[in-house]
Amino acid sequence: MHAPQTPQTPLTLGSIPQPFRLPRGQVLACIGGCLWITSDALAGLRDSDVVLESGESFVTPQAATYFVGAPRGCGVLDFSPALQRTETTC
């Protein structure tokens, strides 16, 4: 099973994490709700899981599959840093 390529965003996610195969340096922005990000690429780092609140972003440290979900049931993910300031409700 392969992770999907980078989809069109914004993308509303639920509590079940979705896999995304992302390149090094990809910006993931939370533009609504809360997002949780994890990956084997983060293992061994001080923060092996990343939690983003609305308006926060994360840059992938290496190419890998990242799992992104919404720990509170709903979060809006955007891969476009130009849209980071846009608020989207769930």
N, C-alpha and C. Protein backbone atom coordinates (compact mmCIF):
# COMPACT_ATOMS: atom_id res chain seq x y z
N MET A 1 0.84 -1.18 0.00
CA MET A 1 0.00 0.00 0.00
C MET A 1 0.88 1.24 0.00
N HIS A 2 0.64 2.14 -0.91
CA HIS A 2 1.42 3.36 -1.02
C HIS A 2 0.64 4.53 -0.45
N ALA A 3 1.36 5.46 0.17
CA ALA A 3 0.72 6.68 0.66
C ALA A 3 0.38 7.55 -0.54
N PRO A 4 -0.74 8.26 -0.47
CA PRO A 4 -1.13 9.12 -1.58
C PRO A 4 -0.14 10.26 -1.79
N GLN A 5 -0.05 10.74 -3.02
CA GLN A 5 0.77 11.91 -3.30
C GLN A 5 0.14 13.12 -2.62
N THR A 6 0.88 14.20 -2.53
CA THR A 6 0.37 15.41 -1.89
C THR A 6 -0.94 15.83 -2.54
N PRO A 7 -2.03 15.84 -1.77
CA PRO A 7 -3.34 16.18 -2.33
C PRO A 7 -3.57 17.68 -2.41
N GLN A 8 -4.67 18.03 -3.04
CA GLN A 8 -5.09 19.43 -3.05
C GLN A 8 -5.52 19.79 -1.64
N THR A 9 -5.16 20.97 -1.18
CA THR A 9 -5.56 21.40 0.16
C THR A 9 -6.21 22.76 0.06
N PRO A 10 -6.96 23.21 1.04
CA PRO A 10 -7.05 22.64 2.38
C PRO A 10 -7.81 21.32 2.41
N LEU A 11 -7.45 20.50 3.38
CA LEU A 11 -8.00 19.17 3.52
C LEU A 11 -8.47 19.00 4.97
N THR A 12 -9.74 18.70 5.17
CA THR A 12 -10.26 18.48 6.52
C THR A 12 -10.02 17.03 6.91
N LEU A 13 -9.36 16.85 8.05
CA LEU A 13 -9.00 15.51 8.53
C LEU A 13 -9.76 15.20 9.81
N GLY A 14 -9.97 13.90 10.04
CA GLY A 14 -10.63 13.43 11.25
C GLY A 14 -9.64 12.76 12.18
N SER A 15 -10.17 11.99 13.12
CA SER A 15 -9.32 11.39 14.15
C SER A 15 -8.47 10.23 13.66
N ILE A 16 -8.79 9.64 12.50
CA ILE A 16 -7.99 8.55 11.96
C ILE A 16 -6.86 9.15 11.11
N PRO A 17 -5.59 8.97 11.51
CA PRO A 17 -4.48 9.57 10.77
C PRO A 17 -4.42 9.08 9.32
N GLN A 18 -4.11 10.00 8.42
CA GLN A 18 -3.98 9.70 6.99
C GLN A 18 -2.51 9.77 6.60
N PRO A 19 -2.01 8.82 5.77
CA PRO A 19 -0.61 8.85 5.36
C PRO A 19 -0.39 9.77 4.16
N PHE A 20 0.72 10.52 4.22
CA PHE A 20 1.12 11.38 3.12
C PHE A 20 2.61 11.20 2.88
N ARG A 21 3.00 10.86 1.66
CA ARG A 21 4.41 10.76 1.30
C ARG A 21 4.86 12.16 0.92
N LEU A 22 5.75 12.73 1.74
CA LEU A 22 6.12 14.13 1.57
C LEU A 22 7.63 14.29 1.40
N PRO A 23 8.04 15.29 0.64
CA PRO A 23 9.46 15.56 0.45
C PRO A 23 10.04 16.31 1.64
N ARG A 24 11.35 16.34 1.74
CA ARG A 24 12.02 17.14 2.75
C ARG A 24 11.69 18.61 2.51
N GLY A 25 11.41 19.35 3.57
CA GLY A 25 11.14 20.77 3.45
C GLY A 25 9.69 21.13 3.16
N GLN A 26 8.80 20.14 3.14
CA GLN A 26 7.38 20.42 2.89
C GLN A 26 6.77 21.12 4.10
N VAL A 27 6.04 22.20 3.87
CA VAL A 27 5.37 22.92 4.95
C VAL A 27 3.97 22.35 5.15
N LEU A 28 3.66 21.96 6.38
CA LEU A 28 2.30 21.53 6.74
C LEU A 28 1.76 22.60 7.68
N ALA A 29 0.66 23.21 7.31
CA ALA A 29 0.07 24.26 8.13
C ALA A 29 -1.30 23.83 8.62
N CYS A 30 -1.58 24.12 9.89
CA CYS A 30 -2.90 23.88 10.46
C CYS A 30 -3.67 25.19 10.34
N ILE A 31 -4.75 25.17 9.56
CA ILE A 31 -5.52 26.40 9.37
C ILE A 31 -6.89 26.33 10.03
N GLY A 32 -7.10 25.29 10.84
CA GLY A 32 -8.35 25.16 11.58
C GLY A 32 -8.28 23.96 12.50
N GLY A 33 -8.77 24.10 13.70
CA GLY A 33 -8.77 22.98 14.63
C GLY A 33 -7.38 22.67 15.15
N CYS A 34 -7.05 21.39 15.21
CA CYS A 34 -5.78 20.92 15.75
C CYS A 34 -5.34 19.70 14.94
N LEU A 35 -4.04 19.59 14.65
CA LEU A 35 -3.51 18.45 13.91
C LEU A 35 -2.41 17.77 14.70
N TRP A 36 -2.30 16.46 14.51
CA TRP A 36 -1.24 15.65 15.10
C TRP A 36 -0.47 15.01 13.96
N ILE A 37 0.86 15.10 14.00
CA ILE A 37 1.72 14.58 12.93
C ILE A 37 2.73 13.63 13.55
N THR A 38 2.90 12.46 12.94
CA THR A 38 3.93 11.54 13.38
C THR A 38 4.52 10.83 12.17
N SER A 39 5.73 10.31 12.34
CA SER A 39 6.43 9.60 11.26
C SER A 39 7.65 8.90 11.84
N ASP A 40 8.08 7.84 11.18
CA ASP A 40 9.34 7.20 11.57
C ASP A 40 10.49 8.19 11.40
N ALA A 41 10.32 9.17 10.51
CA ALA A 41 11.35 10.19 10.27
C ALA A 41 11.58 11.05 11.51
N LEU A 42 10.61 11.08 12.42
CA LEU A 42 10.73 11.88 13.63
C LEU A 42 11.24 11.08 14.82
N ALA A 43 11.38 9.76 14.66
CA ALA A 43 11.85 8.90 15.75
C ALA A 43 13.24 9.33 16.19
N GLY A 44 13.44 9.37 17.47
CA GLY A 44 14.74 9.75 18.01
C GLY A 44 14.89 11.25 18.22
N LEU A 45 14.00 12.05 17.65
CA LEU A 45 14.04 13.49 17.89
C LEU A 45 13.39 13.79 19.23
N ARG A 46 13.70 14.93 19.79
CA ARG A 46 13.13 15.32 21.08
C ARG A 46 11.60 15.31 21.01
N ASP A 47 11.06 15.84 19.93
CA ASP A 47 9.61 15.85 19.72
C ASP A 47 9.28 14.87 18.60
N SER A 48 9.02 13.61 18.96
CA SER A 48 8.75 12.60 17.95
C SER A 48 7.34 12.69 17.39
N ASP A 49 6.46 13.40 18.09
CA ASP A 49 5.12 13.69 17.60
C ASP A 49 4.98 15.21 17.59
N VAL A 50 4.27 15.73 16.61
CA VAL A 50 4.08 17.17 16.50
C VAL A 50 2.59 17.46 16.59
N VAL A 51 2.22 18.41 17.42
CA VAL A 51 0.83 18.86 17.53
C VAL A 51 0.79 20.32 17.09
N LEU A 52 -0.07 20.60 16.11
CA LEU A 52 -0.22 21.96 15.61
C LEU A 52 -1.59 22.50 15.95
N GLU A 53 -1.63 23.68 16.50
CA GLU A 53 -2.88 24.40 16.72
C GLU A 53 -3.11 25.28 15.49
N SER A 54 -4.31 25.79 15.34
CA SER A 54 -4.64 26.64 14.21
C SER A 54 -3.66 27.81 14.11
N GLY A 55 -3.10 28.02 12.91
CA GLY A 55 -2.15 29.09 12.68
C GLY A 55 -0.70 28.67 12.79
N GLU A 56 -0.43 27.43 13.24
CA GLU A 56 0.94 26.94 13.38
C GLU A 56 1.31 26.08 12.18
N SER A 57 2.62 25.93 11.95
CA SER A 57 3.08 25.10 10.84
C SER A 57 4.29 24.27 11.25
N PHE A 58 4.60 23.30 10.40
CA PHE A 58 5.70 22.36 10.63
C PHE A 58 6.36 22.09 9.29
N VAL A 59 7.70 22.01 9.28
CA VAL A 59 8.45 21.71 8.06
C VAL A 59 9.06 20.32 8.21
N THR A 60 8.81 19.45 7.23
CA THR A 60 9.31 18.08 7.31
C THR A 60 10.84 18.06 7.25
N PRO A 61 11.48 17.34 8.18
CA PRO A 61 12.95 17.31 8.21
C PRO A 61 13.57 16.40 7.15
N GLN A 62 12.80 15.47 6.60
CA GLN A 62 13.30 14.58 5.55
C GLN A 62 12.14 13.99 4.78
N ALA A 63 12.43 13.47 3.59
CA ALA A 63 11.40 12.82 2.79
C ALA A 63 10.98 11.53 3.50
N ALA A 64 9.68 11.36 3.68
CA ALA A 64 9.17 10.17 4.38
C ALA A 64 7.64 10.18 4.30
N THR A 65 7.06 9.11 4.85
CA THR A 65 5.61 9.07 5.00
C THR A 65 5.27 9.65 6.36
N TYR A 66 4.41 10.65 6.35
CA TYR A 66 3.96 11.31 7.58
C TYR A 66 2.48 10.99 7.76
N PHE A 67 2.09 10.69 8.98
CA PHE A 67 0.70 10.40 9.31
C PHE A 67 0.13 11.63 10.00
N VAL A 68 -0.98 12.14 9.46
CA VAL A 68 -1.58 13.37 9.98
C VAL A 68 -3.03 13.09 10.33
N GLY A 69 -3.41 13.44 11.54
CA GLY A 69 -4.78 13.26 12.00
C GLY A 69 -5.17 14.42 12.90
N ALA A 70 -6.39 14.39 13.38
CA ALA A 70 -6.92 15.45 14.24
C ALA A 70 -7.29 14.85 15.59
N PRO A 71 -6.47 15.06 16.61
CA PRO A 71 -6.72 14.42 17.91
C PRO A 71 -8.02 14.86 18.57
N ARG A 72 -8.55 16.00 18.18
CA ARG A 72 -9.81 16.48 18.77
C ARG A 72 -10.98 16.28 17.82
N GLY A 73 -10.77 15.45 16.79
CA GLY A 73 -11.86 15.10 15.88
C GLY A 73 -11.91 15.84 14.58
N CYS A 74 -11.31 17.03 14.51
CA CYS A 74 -11.36 17.80 13.26
C CYS A 74 -10.19 18.77 13.19
N GLY A 75 -9.50 18.75 12.06
CA GLY A 75 -8.41 19.68 11.81
C GLY A 75 -8.31 19.93 10.33
N VAL A 76 -7.83 21.10 9.95
CA VAL A 76 -7.72 21.46 8.54
C VAL A 76 -6.25 21.64 8.20
N LEU A 77 -5.76 20.84 7.24
CA LEU A 77 -4.38 20.82 6.81
C LEU A 77 -4.23 21.57 5.51
N ASP A 78 -3.16 22.36 5.40
CA ASP A 78 -2.85 23.06 4.17
C ASP A 78 -1.36 22.90 3.89
N PHE A 79 -1.01 22.58 2.65
CA PHE A 79 0.39 22.47 2.24
C PHE A 79 0.90 23.76 1.63
N SER A 80 0.08 24.78 1.56
CA SER A 80 0.46 26.04 0.93
C SER A 80 0.77 27.08 1.98
N PRO A 81 2.04 27.46 2.16
CA PRO A 81 2.37 28.44 3.19
C PRO A 81 1.73 29.80 2.95
N ALA A 82 1.33 30.11 1.72
CA ALA A 82 0.70 31.39 1.43
C ALA A 82 -0.67 31.50 2.09
N LEU A 83 -1.28 30.35 2.43
CA LEU A 83 -2.62 30.37 3.01
C LEU A 83 -2.63 30.20 4.52
N GLN A 84 -1.47 30.24 5.17
CA GLN A 84 -1.38 29.97 6.59
C GLN A 84 -2.25 30.85 7.45
N ARG A 85 -2.48 32.08 7.05
CA ARG A 85 -3.25 32.99 7.89
C ARG A 85 -4.75 32.85 7.70
N THR A 86 -5.18 32.04 6.77
CA THR A 86 -6.60 31.83 6.53
C THR A 86 -7.17 30.90 7.59
N GLU A 87 -8.22 31.29 8.25
CA GLU A 87 -8.87 30.45 9.26
C GLU A 87 -10.00 29.67 8.60
N THR A 88 -10.04 28.39 8.84
CA THR A 88 -11.11 27.54 8.32
C THR A 88 -11.72 26.79 9.50
N THR A 89 -13.03 26.76 9.58
CA THR A 89 -13.68 26.05 10.67
C THR A 89 -14.07 24.65 10.24
N CYS A 90 -14.17 23.78 11.22
CA CYS A 90 -14.54 22.40 10.96
C CYS A 90 -16.04 22.26 10.98
